[in-house]
Amino acid sequence: MSEERNAIPLILTGVGSIIVTVAALWYYGYLHFAKPEDALLLQDFTMLKTVPGEDYKVSLTPADQVAQCMDGVLVLFDTQQKGLSGVLVDDRKRAVRCVGEEAPGQVQ
């Protein structure tokens, strides 16, 4: 009494359910297909070390990114590309921490 089952409907059901799941995750924003222009390279940023008594020059034009302290971690938001954000990390992928919402010069 061995009956052979047709495997084609099972395969099509599996593939179809994967496609529907990926489409639903993408529609509700849980899945994002990254594009090369979405990436910000860490090498694009440089820290200028401030030494008391020495002057340094920076451009008057602001950068396209804005930083904000969230849960003790420095998060960058891009003002040109909506929805692009990221956590600033060092070369060992450790998150750059921040003290609080206020700039250090404004703490009283």
PDB file of N, CA and C in Angstrom:
ATOM      1  N   MET A   1       0.807  -1.185   0.000  1.00  0.00           N
ATOM      2  CA  MET A   1       0.000   0.000   0.000  1.00  0.00           C
ATOM      3  C   MET A   1       0.850   1.247   0.000  1.00  0.00           C
ATOM      4  N   SER A   2       1.884   1.222  -0.690  1.00  0.00           N
ATOM      5  CA  SER A   2       2.710   2.410  -0.744  1.00  0.00           C
ATOM      6  C   SER A   2       2.256   3.275  -1.917  1.00  0.00           C
ATOM      7  N   GLU A   3       1.870   4.463  -1.558  1.00  0.00           N
ATOM      8  CA  GLU A   3       1.436   5.412  -2.582  1.00  0.00           C
ATOM      9  C   GLU A   3       2.491   6.488  -2.719  1.00  0.00           C
ATOM     10  N   GLU A   4       2.764   6.852  -3.928  1.00  0.00           N
ATOM     11  CA  GLU A   4       3.694   7.955  -4.149  1.00  0.00           C
ATOM     12  C   GLU A   4       2.902   9.242  -4.233  1.00  0.00           C
ATOM     13  N   ARG A   5       3.379  10.240  -3.479  1.00  0.00           N
ATOM     14  CA  ARG A   5       2.719  11.537  -3.495  1.00  0.00           C
ATOM     15  C   ARG A   5       3.409  12.445  -4.503  1.00  0.00           C
ATOM     16  N   ASN A   6       2.622  13.288  -5.073  1.00  0.00           N
ATOM     17  CA  ASN A   6       3.163  14.262  -6.009  1.00  0.00           C
ATOM     18  C   ASN A   6       3.828  15.378  -5.199  1.00  0.00           C
ATOM     19  N   ALA A   7       5.125  15.578  -5.362  1.00  0.00           N
ATOM     20  CA  ALA A   7       5.878  16.550  -4.562  1.00  0.00           C
ATOM     21  C   ALA A   7       5.767  17.970  -5.101  1.00  0.00           C
ATOM     22  N   ILE A   8       5.310  18.141  -6.302  1.00  0.00           N
ATOM     23  CA  ILE A   8       5.251  19.486  -6.899  1.00  0.00           C
ATOM     24  C   ILE A   8       4.356  20.431  -6.100  1.00  0.00           C
ATOM     25  N   PRO A   9       3.140  20.045  -5.684  1.00  0.00           N
ATOM     26  CA  PRO A   9       2.336  20.972  -4.876  1.00  0.00           C
ATOM     27  C   PRO A   9       2.997  21.338  -3.545  1.00  0.00           C
ATOM     28  N   LEU A  10       3.690  20.407  -2.919  1.00  0.00           N
ATOM     29  CA  LEU A  10       4.380  20.714  -1.660  1.00  0.00           C
ATOM     30  C   LEU A  10       5.507  21.720  -1.878  1.00  0.00           C
ATOM     31  N   ILE A  11       6.257  21.539  -2.937  1.00  0.00           N
ATOM     32  CA  ILE A  11       7.357  22.461  -3.249  1.00  0.00           C
ATOM     33  C   ILE A  11       6.810  23.839  -3.577  1.00  0.00           C
ATOM     34  N   LEU A  12       5.776  23.908  -4.389  1.00  0.00           N
ATOM     35  CA  LEU A  12       5.175  25.199  -4.743  1.00  0.00           C
ATOM     36  C   LEU A  12       4.587  25.893  -3.511  1.00  0.00           C
ATOM     37  N   THR A  13       3.989  25.143  -2.603  1.00  0.00           N
ATOM     38  CA  THR A  13       3.456  25.727  -1.368  1.00  0.00           C
ATOM     39  C   THR A  13       4.585  26.289  -0.508  1.00  0.00           C
ATOM     40  N   GLY A  14       5.680  25.572  -0.398  1.00  0.00           N
ATOM     41  CA  GLY A  14       6.818  26.061   0.379  1.00  0.00           C
ATOM     42  C   GLY A  14       7.420  27.321  -0.204  1.00  0.00           C
ATOM     43  N   VAL A  15       7.643  27.334  -1.512  1.00  0.00           N
ATOM     44  CA  VAL A  15       8.206  28.519  -2.170  1.00  0.00           C
ATOM     45  C   VAL A  15       7.244  29.696  -2.064  1.00  0.00           C
ATOM     46  N   GLY A  16       5.958  29.430  -2.276  1.00  0.00           N
ATOM     47  CA  GLY A  16       4.957  30.498  -2.181  1.00  0.00           C
ATOM     48  C   GLY A  16       4.871  31.087  -0.791  1.00  0.00           C
ATOM     49  N   SER A  17       4.943  30.246   0.244  1.00  0.00           N
ATOM     50  CA  SER A  17       4.873  30.769   1.609  1.00  0.00           C
ATOM     51  C   SER A  17       6.113  31.597   1.949  1.00  0.00           C
ATOM     52  N   ILE A  18       7.269  31.216   1.441  1.00  0.00           N
ATOM     53  CA  ILE A  18       8.478  32.023   1.665  1.00  0.00           C
ATOM     54  C   ILE A  18       8.344  33.382   0.991  1.00  0.00           C
ATOM     55  N   ILE A  19       7.846  33.401  -0.230  1.00  0.00           N
ATOM     56  CA  ILE A  19       7.672  34.664  -0.956  1.00  0.00           C
ATOM     57  C   ILE A  19       6.670  35.566  -0.244  1.00  0.00           C
ATOM     58  N   VAL A  20       5.563  35.006   0.201  1.00  0.00           N
ATOM     59  CA  VAL A  20       4.546  35.804   0.907  1.00  0.00           C
ATOM     60  C   VAL A  20       5.093  36.324   2.234  1.00  0.00           C
ATOM     61  N   THR A  21       5.872  35.517   2.946  1.00  0.00           N
ATOM     62  CA  THR A  21       6.459  35.952   4.213  1.00  0.00           C
ATOM     63  C   THR A  21       7.435  37.101   4.004  1.00  0.00           C
ATOM     64  N   VAL A  22       8.311  36.993   3.019  1.00  0.00           N
ATOM     65  CA  VAL A  22       9.276  38.065   2.733  1.00  0.00           C
ATOM     66  C   VAL A  22       8.546  39.335   2.303  1.00  0.00           C
ATOM     67  N   ALA A  23       7.518  39.208   1.484  1.00  0.00           N
ATOM     68  CA  ALA A  23       6.750  40.375   1.042  1.00  0.00           C
ATOM     69  C   ALA A  23       6.050  41.050   2.216  1.00  0.00           C
ATOM     70  N   ALA A  24       5.487  40.276   3.133  1.00  0.00           N
ATOM     71  CA  ALA A  24       4.810  40.861   4.296  1.00  0.00           C
ATOM     72  C   ALA A  24       5.812  41.555   5.215  1.00  0.00           C
ATOM     73  N   LEU A  25       6.969  40.942   5.449  1.00  0.00           N
ATOM     74  CA  LEU A  25       7.993  41.584   6.282  1.00  0.00           C
ATOM     75  C   LEU A  25       8.496  42.876   5.650  1.00  0.00           C
ATOM     76  N   TRP A  26       8.672  42.887   4.341  1.00  0.00           N
ATOM     77  CA  TRP A  26       9.115  44.102   3.646  1.00  0.00           C
ATOM     78  C   TRP A  26       8.035  45.176   3.699  1.00  0.00           C
ATOM     79  N   TYR A  27       6.790  44.806   3.510  1.00  0.00           N
ATOM     80  CA  TYR A  27       5.686  45.777   3.503  1.00  0.00           C
ATOM     81  C   TYR A  27       5.549  46.471   4.860  1.00  0.00           C
ATOM     82  N   TYR A  28       5.686  45.727   5.948  1.00  0.00           N
ATOM     83  CA  TYR A  28       5.524  46.300   7.278  1.00  0.00           C
ATOM     84  C   TYR A  28       6.814  46.902   7.838  1.00  0.00           C
ATOM     85  N   GLY A  29       7.889  46.909   7.057  1.00  0.00           N
ATOM     86  CA  GLY A  29       9.111  47.593   7.445  1.00  0.00           C
ATOM     87  C   GLY A  29      10.069  46.783   8.295  1.00  0.00           C
ATOM     88  N   TYR A  30       9.830  45.507   8.468  1.00  0.00           N
ATOM     89  CA  TYR A  30      10.746  44.671   9.238  1.00  0.00           C
ATOM     90  C   TYR A  30      11.912  44.163   8.407  1.00  0.00           C
ATOM     91  N   LEU A  31      11.825  44.332   7.109  1.00  0.00           N
ATOM     92  CA  LEU A  31      12.869  43.860   6.210  1.00  0.00           C
ATOM     93  C   LEU A  31      13.250  45.008   5.289  1.00  0.00           C
ATOM     94  N   HIS A  32      14.543  45.298   5.204  1.00  0.00           N
ATOM     95  CA  HIS A  32      15.019  46.400   4.360  1.00  0.00           C
ATOM     96  C   HIS A  32      16.119  45.874   3.457  1.00  0.00           C
ATOM     97  N   PHE A  33      15.965  46.107   2.169  1.00  0.00           N
ATOM     98  CA  PHE A  33      16.989  45.717   1.209  1.00  0.00           C
ATOM     99  C   PHE A  33      17.945  46.892   1.061  1.00  0.00           C
ATOM    100  N   ALA A  34      19.150  46.755   1.593  1.00  0.00           N
ATOM    101  CA  ALA A  34      20.121  47.846   1.594  1.00  0.00           C
ATOM    102  C   ALA A  34      20.698  48.060   0.200  1.00  0.00           C
ATOM    103  N   LYS A  35      20.903  49.329  -0.107  1.00  0.00           N
ATOM    104  CA  LYS A  35      21.529  49.720  -1.365  1.00  0.00           C
ATOM    105  C   LYS A  35      22.893  50.313  -1.034  1.00  0.00           C
ATOM    106  N   PRO A  36      23.809  50.299  -1.971  1.00  0.00           N
ATOM    107  CA  PRO A  36      25.140  50.860  -1.679  1.00  0.00           C
ATOM    108  C   PRO A  36      25.092  52.328  -1.264  1.00  0.00           C
ATOM    109  N   GLU A  37      24.154  53.089  -1.793  1.00  0.00           N
ATOM    110  CA  GLU A  37      24.097  54.510  -1.434  1.00  0.00           C
ATOM    111  C   GLU A  37      23.522  54.723  -0.032  1.00  0.00           C
ATOM    112  N   ASP A  38      22.971  53.678   0.597  1.00  0.00           N
ATOM    113  CA  ASP A  38      22.458  53.791   1.955  1.00  0.00           C
ATOM    114  C   ASP A  38      23.563  53.738   3.002  1.00  0.00           C
ATOM    115  N   ALA A  39      24.724  53.256   2.642  1.00  0.00           N
ATOM    116  CA  ALA A  39      25.791  53.027   3.616  1.00  0.00           C
ATOM    117  C   ALA A  39      26.621  54.289   3.852  1.00  0.00           C
ATOM    118  N   LEU A  40      26.927  54.533   5.099  1.00  0.00           N
ATOM    119  CA  LEU A  40      27.881  55.577   5.471  1.00  0.00           C
ATOM    120  C   LEU A  40      29.147  54.868   5.939  1.00  0.00           C
ATOM    121  N   LEU A  41      30.251  55.231   5.386  1.00  0.00           N
ATOM    122  CA  LEU A  41      31.505  54.598   5.769  1.00  0.00           C
ATOM    123  C   LEU A  41      32.106  55.303   6.963  1.00  0.00           C
ATOM    124  N   LEU A  42      32.583  54.523   7.912  1.00  0.00           N
ATOM    125  CA  LEU A  42      33.212  55.093   9.090  1.00  0.00           C
ATOM    126  C   LEU A  42      34.463  55.879   8.716  1.00  0.00           C
ATOM    127  N   GLN A  43      35.130  55.492   7.629  1.00  0.00           N
ATOM    128  CA  GLN A  43      36.334  56.204   7.236  1.00  0.00           C
ATOM    129  C   GLN A  43      36.022  57.610   6.736  1.00  0.00           C
ATOM    130  N   ASP A  44      34.738  57.927   6.497  1.00  0.00           N
ATOM    131  CA  ASP A  44      34.367  59.277   6.101  1.00  0.00           C
ATOM    132  C   ASP A  44      34.402  60.248   7.276  1.00  0.00           C
ATOM    133  N   PHE A  45      34.535  59.751   8.483  1.00  0.00           N
ATOM    134  CA  PHE A  45      34.535  60.599   9.669  1.00  0.00           C
ATOM    135  C   PHE A  45      35.911  60.593  10.310  1.00  0.00           C
ATOM    136  N   THR A  46      36.308  61.755  10.819  1.00  0.00           N
ATOM    137  CA  THR A  46      37.599  61.904  11.479  1.00  0.00           C
ATOM    138  C   THR A  46      37.389  62.679  12.767  1.00  0.00           C
ATOM    139  N   MET A  47      38.046  62.255  13.827  1.00  0.00           N
ATOM    140  CA  MET A  47      37.960  62.987  15.078  1.00  0.00           C
ATOM    141  C   MET A  47      39.109  63.986  15.157  1.00  0.00           C
ATOM    142  N   LEU A  48      38.768  65.223  15.418  1.00  0.00           N
ATOM    143  CA  LEU A  48      39.791  66.244  15.609  1.00  0.00           C
ATOM    144  C   LEU A  48      40.079  66.347  17.098  1.00  0.00           C
ATOM    145  N   LYS A  49      41.311  66.073  17.466  1.00  0.00           N
ATOM    146  CA  LYS A  49      41.694  66.153  18.870  1.00  0.00           C
ATOM    147  C   LYS A  49      41.913  67.610  19.243  1.00  0.00           C
ATOM    148  N   THR A  50      41.254  68.027  20.302  1.00  0.00           N
ATOM    149  CA  THR A  50      41.402  69.412  20.741  1.00  0.00           C
ATOM    150  C   THR A  50      42.470  69.487  21.819  1.00  0.00           C
ATOM    151  N   VAL A  51      43.405  70.390  21.615  1.00  0.00           N
ATOM    152  CA  VAL A  51      44.487  70.618  22.563  1.00  0.00           C
ATOM    153  C   VAL A  51      44.325  72.033  23.096  1.00  0.00           C
ATOM    154  N   PRO A  52      44.304  72.202  24.416  1.00  0.00           N
ATOM    155  CA  PRO A  52      44.143  73.552  24.968  1.00  0.00           C
ATOM    156  C   PRO A  52      45.225  74.504  24.459  1.00  0.00           C
ATOM    157  N   GLY A  53      44.789  75.655  23.989  1.00  0.00           N
ATOM    158  CA  GLY A  53      45.713  76.666  23.506  1.00  0.00           C
ATOM    159  C   GLY A  53      46.001  76.596  22.020  1.00  0.00           C
ATOM    160  N   GLU A  54      45.583  75.544  21.339  1.00  0.00           N
ATOM    161  CA  GLU A  54      45.807  75.418  19.897  1.00  0.00           C
ATOM    162  C   GLU A  54      44.499  75.602  19.144  1.00  0.00           C
ATOM    163  N   ASP A  55      44.610  76.286  18.008  1.00  0.00           N
ATOM    164  CA  ASP A  55      43.434  76.517  17.170  1.00  0.00           C
ATOM    165  C   ASP A  55      43.306  75.419  16.131  1.00  0.00           C
ATOM    166  N   TYR A  56      42.089  75.141  15.736  1.00  0.00           N
ATOM    167  CA  TYR A  56      41.842  74.206  14.642  1.00  0.00           C
ATOM    168  C   TYR A  56      40.725  74.785  13.791  1.00  0.00           C
ATOM    169  N   LYS A  57      40.711  74.409  12.529  1.00  0.00           N
ATOM    170  CA  LYS A  57      39.742  74.960  11.592  1.00  0.00           C
ATOM    171  C   LYS A  57      38.766  73.883  11.141  1.00  0.00           C
ATOM    172  N   VAL A  58      37.494  74.248  11.099  1.00  0.00           N
ATOM    173  CA  VAL A  58      36.456  73.377  10.564  1.00  0.00           C
ATOM    174  C   VAL A  58      35.613  74.190   9.601  1.00  0.00           C
ATOM    175  N   SER A  59      34.931  73.508   8.714  1.00  0.00           N
ATOM    176  CA  SER A  59      34.088  74.171   7.731  1.00  0.00           C
ATOM    177  C   SER A  59      32.855  74.769   8.403  1.00  0.00           C
ATOM    178  N   LEU A  60      32.388  75.894   7.882  1.00  0.00           N
ATOM    179  CA  LEU A  60      31.169  76.510   8.394  1.00  0.00           C
ATOM    180  C   LEU A  60      29.924  75.777   7.905  1.00  0.00           C
ATOM    181  N   THR A  61      30.061  75.022   6.806  1.00  0.00           N
ATOM    182  CA  THR A  61      28.938  74.261   6.266  1.00  0.00           C
ATOM    183  C   THR A  61      28.734  73.008   7.117  1.00  0.00           C
ATOM    184  N   PRO A  62      27.521  72.796   7.638  1.00  0.00           N
ATOM    185  CA  PRO A  62      27.296  71.609   8.472  1.00  0.00           C
ATOM    186  C   PRO A  62      27.284  70.327   7.645  1.00  0.00           C
ATOM    187  N   ALA A  63      27.546  69.210   8.294  1.00  0.00           N
ATOM    188  CA  ALA A  63      27.528  67.899   7.640  1.00  0.00           C
ATOM    189  C   ALA A  63      26.083  67.484   7.366  1.00  0.00           C
ATOM    190  N   ASP A  64      25.935  66.463   6.520  1.00  0.00           N
ATOM    191  CA  ASP A  64      24.605  65.938   6.195  1.00  0.00           C
ATOM    192  C   ASP A  64      24.079  65.009   7.284  1.00  0.00           C
ATOM    193  N   GLN A  65      24.857  64.771   8.331  1.00  0.00           N
ATOM    194  CA  GLN A  65      24.451  63.881   9.401  1.00  0.00           C
ATOM    195  C   GLN A  65      24.239  64.670  10.688  1.00  0.00           C
ATOM    196  N   VAL A  66      23.315  64.187  11.499  1.00  0.00           N
ATOM    197  CA  VAL A  66      23.032  64.769  12.806  1.00  0.00           C
ATOM    198  C   VAL A  66      23.175  63.659  13.834  1.00  0.00           C
ATOM    199  N   ALA A  67      23.857  63.942  14.946  1.00  0.00           N
ATOM    200  CA  ALA A  67      24.062  62.933  15.987  1.00  0.00           C
ATOM    201  C   ALA A  67      23.136  63.211  17.161  1.00  0.00           C
ATOM    202  N   GLN A  68      22.689  62.126  17.793  1.00  0.00           N
ATOM    203  CA  GLN A  68      21.834  62.248  18.963  1.00  0.00           C
ATOM    204  C   GLN A  68      22.191  61.136  19.936  1.00  0.00           C
ATOM    205  N   CYS A  69      22.117  61.439  21.210  1.00  0.00           N
ATOM    206  CA  CYS A  69      22.399  60.450  22.241  1.00  0.00           C
ATOM    207  C   CYS A  69      21.112  59.708  22.565  1.00  0.00           C
ATOM    208  N   MET A  70      21.121  58.393  22.335  1.00  0.00           N
ATOM    209  CA  MET A  70      19.945  57.572  22.631  1.00  0.00           C
ATOM    210  C   MET A  70      20.384  56.383  23.467  1.00  0.00           C
ATOM    211  N   ASP A  71      19.860  56.285  24.668  1.00  0.00           N
ATOM    212  CA  ASP A  71      20.184  55.188  25.583  1.00  0.00           C
ATOM    213  C   ASP A  71      21.683  55.057  25.800  1.00  0.00           C
ATOM    214  N   GLY A  72      22.386  56.189  25.840  1.00  0.00           N
ATOM    215  CA  GLY A  72      23.816  56.182  26.108  1.00  0.00           C
ATOM    216  C   GLY A  72      24.697  55.848  24.923  1.00  0.00           C
ATOM    217  N   VAL A  73      24.122  55.766  23.720  1.00  0.00           N
ATOM    218  CA  VAL A  73      24.878  55.436  22.515  1.00  0.00           C
ATOM    219  C   VAL A  73      24.687  56.571  21.512  1.00  0.00           C
ATOM    220  N   LEU A  74      25.759  56.929  20.800  1.00  0.00           N
ATOM    221  CA  LEU A  74      25.698  57.999  19.812  1.00  0.00           C
ATOM    222  C   LEU A  74      25.139  57.453  18.501  1.00  0.00           C
ATOM    223  N   VAL A  75      24.006  58.003  18.070  1.00  0.00           N
ATOM    224  CA  VAL A  75      23.321  57.551  16.867  1.00  0.00           C
ATOM    225  C   VAL A  75      23.377  58.669  15.831  1.00  0.00           C
ATOM    226  N   LEU A  76      23.759  58.316  14.595  1.00  0.00           N
ATOM    227  CA  LEU A  76      23.810  59.283  13.499  1.00  0.00           C
ATOM    228  C   LEU A  76      22.572  59.140  12.624  1.00  0.00           C
ATOM    229  N   PHE A  77      21.989  60.275  12.263  1.00  0.00           N
ATOM    230  CA  PHE A  77      20.860  60.315  11.344  1.00  0.00           C
ATOM    231  C   PHE A  77      21.280  61.112  10.119  1.00  0.00           C
ATOM    232  N   ASP A  78      20.978  60.619   8.929  1.00  0.00           N
ATOM    233  CA  ASP A  78      21.295  61.319   7.685  1.00  0.00           C
ATOM    234  C   ASP A  78      20.134  62.228   7.335  1.00  0.00           C
ATOM    235  N   THR A  79      20.422  63.503   7.054  1.00  0.00           N
ATOM    236  CA  THR A  79      19.364  64.456   6.718  1.00  0.00           C
ATOM    237  C   THR A  79      19.013  64.425   5.240  1.00  0.00           C
ATOM    238  N   GLN A  80      19.853  63.833   4.404  1.00  0.00           N
ATOM    239  CA  GLN A  80      19.589  63.774   2.972  1.00  0.00           C
ATOM    240  C   GLN A  80      18.740  62.566   2.589  1.00  0.00           C
ATOM    241  N   GLN A  81      18.974  61.424   3.229  1.00  0.00           N
ATOM    242  CA  GLN A  81      18.254  60.188   2.914  1.00  0.00           C
ATOM    243  C   GLN A  81      17.359  59.835   4.092  1.00  0.00           C
ATOM    244  N   LYS A  82      16.069  59.926   3.893  1.00  0.00           N
ATOM    245  CA  LYS A  82      15.115  59.658   4.968  1.00  0.00           C
ATOM    246  C   LYS A  82      15.233  58.212   5.451  1.00  0.00           C
ATOM    247  N   GLY A  83      15.172  58.046   6.748  1.00  0.00           N
ATOM    248  CA  GLY A  83      15.187  56.710   7.324  1.00  0.00           C
ATOM    249  C   GLY A  83      16.563  56.100   7.496  1.00  0.00           C
ATOM    250  N   LEU A  84      17.617  56.778   7.042  1.00  0.00           N
ATOM    251  CA  LEU A  84      18.962  56.223   7.184  1.00  0.00           C
ATOM    252  C   LEU A  84      19.540  56.668   8.519  1.00  0.00           C
ATOM    253  N   SER A  85      19.856  55.702   9.351  1.00  0.00           N
ATOM    254  CA  SER A  85      20.469  55.997  10.635  1.00  0.00           C
ATOM    255  C   SER A  85      21.425  54.872  10.983  1.00  0.00           C
ATOM    256  N   GLY A  86      22.292  55.140  11.927  1.00  0.00           N
ATOM    257  CA  GLY A  86      23.241  54.121  12.321  1.00  0.00           C
ATOM    258  C   GLY A  86      23.924  54.489  13.618  1.00  0.00           C
ATOM    259  N   VAL A  87      24.532  53.516  14.231  1.00  0.00           N
ATOM    260  CA  VAL A  87      25.262  53.713  15.477  1.00  0.00           C
ATOM    261  C   VAL A  87      26.723  53.928  15.131  1.00  0.00           C
ATOM    262  N   LEU A  88      27.334  54.937  15.724  1.00  0.00           N
ATOM    263  CA  LEU A  88      28.748  55.203  15.493  1.00  0.00           C
ATOM    264  C   LEU A  88      29.573  54.212  16.287  1.00  0.00           C
ATOM    265  N   VAL A  89      30.474  53.481  15.610  1.00  0.00           N
ATOM    266  CA  VAL A  89      31.309  52.460  16.255  1.00  0.00           C
ATOM    267  C   VAL A  89      32.776  52.732  15.949  1.00  0.00           C
ATOM    268  N   ASP A  90      33.656  52.125  16.748  1.00  0.00           N
ATOM    269  CA  ASP A  90      35.092  52.246  16.484  1.00  0.00           C
ATOM    270  C   ASP A  90      35.547  51.093  15.601  1.00  0.00           C
ATOM    271  N   ASP A  91      36.867  50.941  15.440  1.00  0.00           N
ATOM    272  CA  ASP A  91      37.384  49.915  14.536  1.00  0.00           C
ATOM    273  C   ASP A  91      37.144  48.492  15.037  1.00  0.00           C
ATOM    274  N   ARG A  92      36.788  48.325  16.298  1.00  0.00           N
ATOM    275  CA  ARG A  92      36.482  46.999  16.849  1.00  0.00           C
ATOM    276  C   ARG A  92      34.969  46.773  16.973  1.00  0.00           C
ATOM    277  N   LYS A  93      34.181  47.596  16.312  1.00  0.00           N
ATOM    278  CA  LYS A  93      32.714  47.508  16.303  1.00  0.00           C
ATOM    279  C   LYS A  93      32.102  47.739  17.680  1.00  0.00           C
ATOM    280  N   ARG A  94      32.793  48.544  18.523  1.00  0.00           N
ATOM    281  CA  ARG A  94      32.239  48.919  19.826  1.00  0.00           C
ATOM    282  C   ARG A  94      31.527  50.249  19.668  1.00  0.00           C
ATOM    283  N   ALA A  95      30.328  50.357  20.224  1.00  0.00           N
ATOM    284  CA  ALA A  95      29.528  51.573  20.090  1.00  0.00           C
ATOM    285  C   ALA A  95      30.176  52.727  20.845  1.00  0.00           C
ATOM    286  N   VAL A  96      30.141  53.905  20.231  1.00  0.00           N
ATOM    287  CA  VAL A  96      30.644  55.114  20.879  1.00  0.00           C
ATOM    288  C   VAL A  96      29.576  55.575  21.868  1.00  0.00           C
ATOM    289  N   ARG A  97      29.954  55.675  23.114  1.00  0.00           N
ATOM    290  CA  ARG A  97      29.018  56.057  24.169  1.00  0.00           C
ATOM    291  C   ARG A  97      28.944  57.574  24.301  1.00  0.00           C
ATOM    292  N   CYS A  98      27.854  58.059  24.853  1.00  0.00           N
ATOM    293  CA  CYS A  98      27.720  59.492  25.133  1.00  0.00           C
ATOM    294  C   CYS A  98      27.203  59.647  26.556  1.00  0.00           C
ATOM    295  N   VAL A  99      27.526  60.795  27.146  1.00  0.00           N
ATOM    296  CA  VAL A  99      27.224  61.014  28.554  1.00  0.00           C
ATOM    297  C   VAL A  99      25.749  61.318  28.768  1.00  0.00           C
ATOM    298  N   GLY A 100      25.188  62.152  27.929  1.00  0.00           N
ATOM    299  CA  GLY A 100      23.793  62.536  28.123  1.00  0.00           C
ATOM    300  C   GLY A 100      23.281  63.347  26.958  1.00  0.00           C
ATOM    301  N   GLU A 101      22.132  63.953  27.152  1.00  0.00           N
ATOM    302  CA  GLU A 101      21.496  64.729  26.105  1.00  0.00           C
ATOM    303  C   GLU A 101      22.177  66.083  25.903  1.00  0.00           C
ATOM    304  N   GLU A 102      22.842  66.597  26.911  1.00  0.00           N
ATOM    305  CA  GLU A 102      23.439  67.917  26.818  1.00  0.00           C
ATOM    306  C   GLU A 102      24.891  67.827  26.369  1.00  0.00           C
ATOM    307  N   ALA A 103      25.358  68.885  25.712  1.00  0.00           N
ATOM    308  CA  ALA A 103      26.766  68.954  25.315  1.00  0.00           C
ATOM    309  C   ALA A 103      27.612  69.172  26.571  1.00  0.00           C
ATOM    310  N   PRO A 104      28.861  68.659  26.607  1.00  0.00           N
ATOM    311  CA  PRO A 104      29.686  68.796  27.792  1.00  0.00           C
ATOM    312  C   PRO A 104      29.901  70.227  28.237  1.00  0.00           C
ATOM    313  N   GLY A 105      29.915  71.184  27.309  1.00  0.00           N
ATOM    314  CA  GLY A 105      30.115  72.584  27.678  1.00  0.00           C
ATOM    315  C   GLY A 105      28.922  73.195  28.367  1.00  0.00           C
ATOM    316  N   GLN A 106      27.752  72.591  28.268  1.00  0.00           N
ATOM    317  CA  GLN A 106      26.531  73.150  28.838  1.00  0.00           C
ATOM    318  C   GLN A 106      26.172  72.522  30.175  1.00  0.00           C
ATOM    319  N   VAL A 107      26.911  71.512  30.618  1.00  0.00           N
ATOM    320  CA  VAL A 107      26.602  70.859  31.888  1.00  0.00           C
ATOM    321  C   VAL A 107      26.928  71.795  33.024  1.00  0.00           C
ATOM    322  N   GLN A 108      26.010  71.915  33.994  1.00  0.00           N
ATOM    323  CA  GLN A 108      26.228  72.835  35.118  1.00  0.00           C
ATOM    324  C   GLN A 108      26.232  72.089  36.424  1.00  0.00           C
TER     325      GLN A 108
END
